[in-house]
Amino acid sequence: MNDVRIVSSTPSFSTRTERRHALAKADFVDAAYAVIEQHGFKGFTLDLVASHVGLRKQAIYHYFPSKEAVLFEVALAELTRSAQAVADAVDKVESGVDAIEALLRTYFHAFAGKIRLFQISHTALPFFDFKRMMSGDNLVRIRPLNDLLYAGAAQRLHADSKGTLSLADARRLAFVAYTSVVGLLTMKALVESADDPLVHQDTAMIDTLVSVFRNSIAQGNKKK
């Protein structure tokens, strides 16, 4: 009789433990979202996070080494969500100029109604030990987002130019578009946090920014 190895379909103990660990971390991150939405960055505490999941603060340290580590996971989730939204929007257009518009509009609308989360993911993190947070594994997790944000638009701009615009220059243009919309959102977050909102409507501001880039690209194409 041949020996038959029976492979159990039941997950191993280590696999189940890892799964429970991941689910517990996700619960804490979800709770952190809720605290930020309710209390903002200044009111964020691990005590509030723990209370949302019905545990004591000490339980959080079993999964995260610090308050900053929890905030990093929230920031990374928001950055990933917005970067993927940009990539999906760019995939739906063909031209480079339309891709830049898709980048600008999608990123703006991803955060225009979530200013507190924008502050955490873009403007608040540097107030912590930013160098430590952006080193090692965390930096490895963030870097792939660059391609989601810039690669699609850069490839379309490069293709439209028929070789007159290098891929590196096209990617730089996409990066400048990204930093421009981040700047607009930063100003919006700044004045809204001071209860002094901008007099300009969101639609008018993003339309103007899109127009600036479309006109600039059109002028650049005429010179070639």
Foldseek 3Di string as FASTA:
>chain_A
DDDDDDDDPDDDPVVVVVVVLVVVLVLLLVLQVVQCVVPFPVRDDLQSSQVVVPHGSVVVCVNAVDPLRSLLVLLLVLLQVLLQQLLVQLVVDQALLSSLLSLLVSNLVSCVVPLRSLCSNPPPSVVPPNVVCCDDPNVVSPVVSLCSQQVSSLVRHCVVLVNPQDSVNSSVLSVVSNVVSSVVSVVQSVCVVVVRGDPDDPVVVSVVSSVVSSVVSVVVSVVD
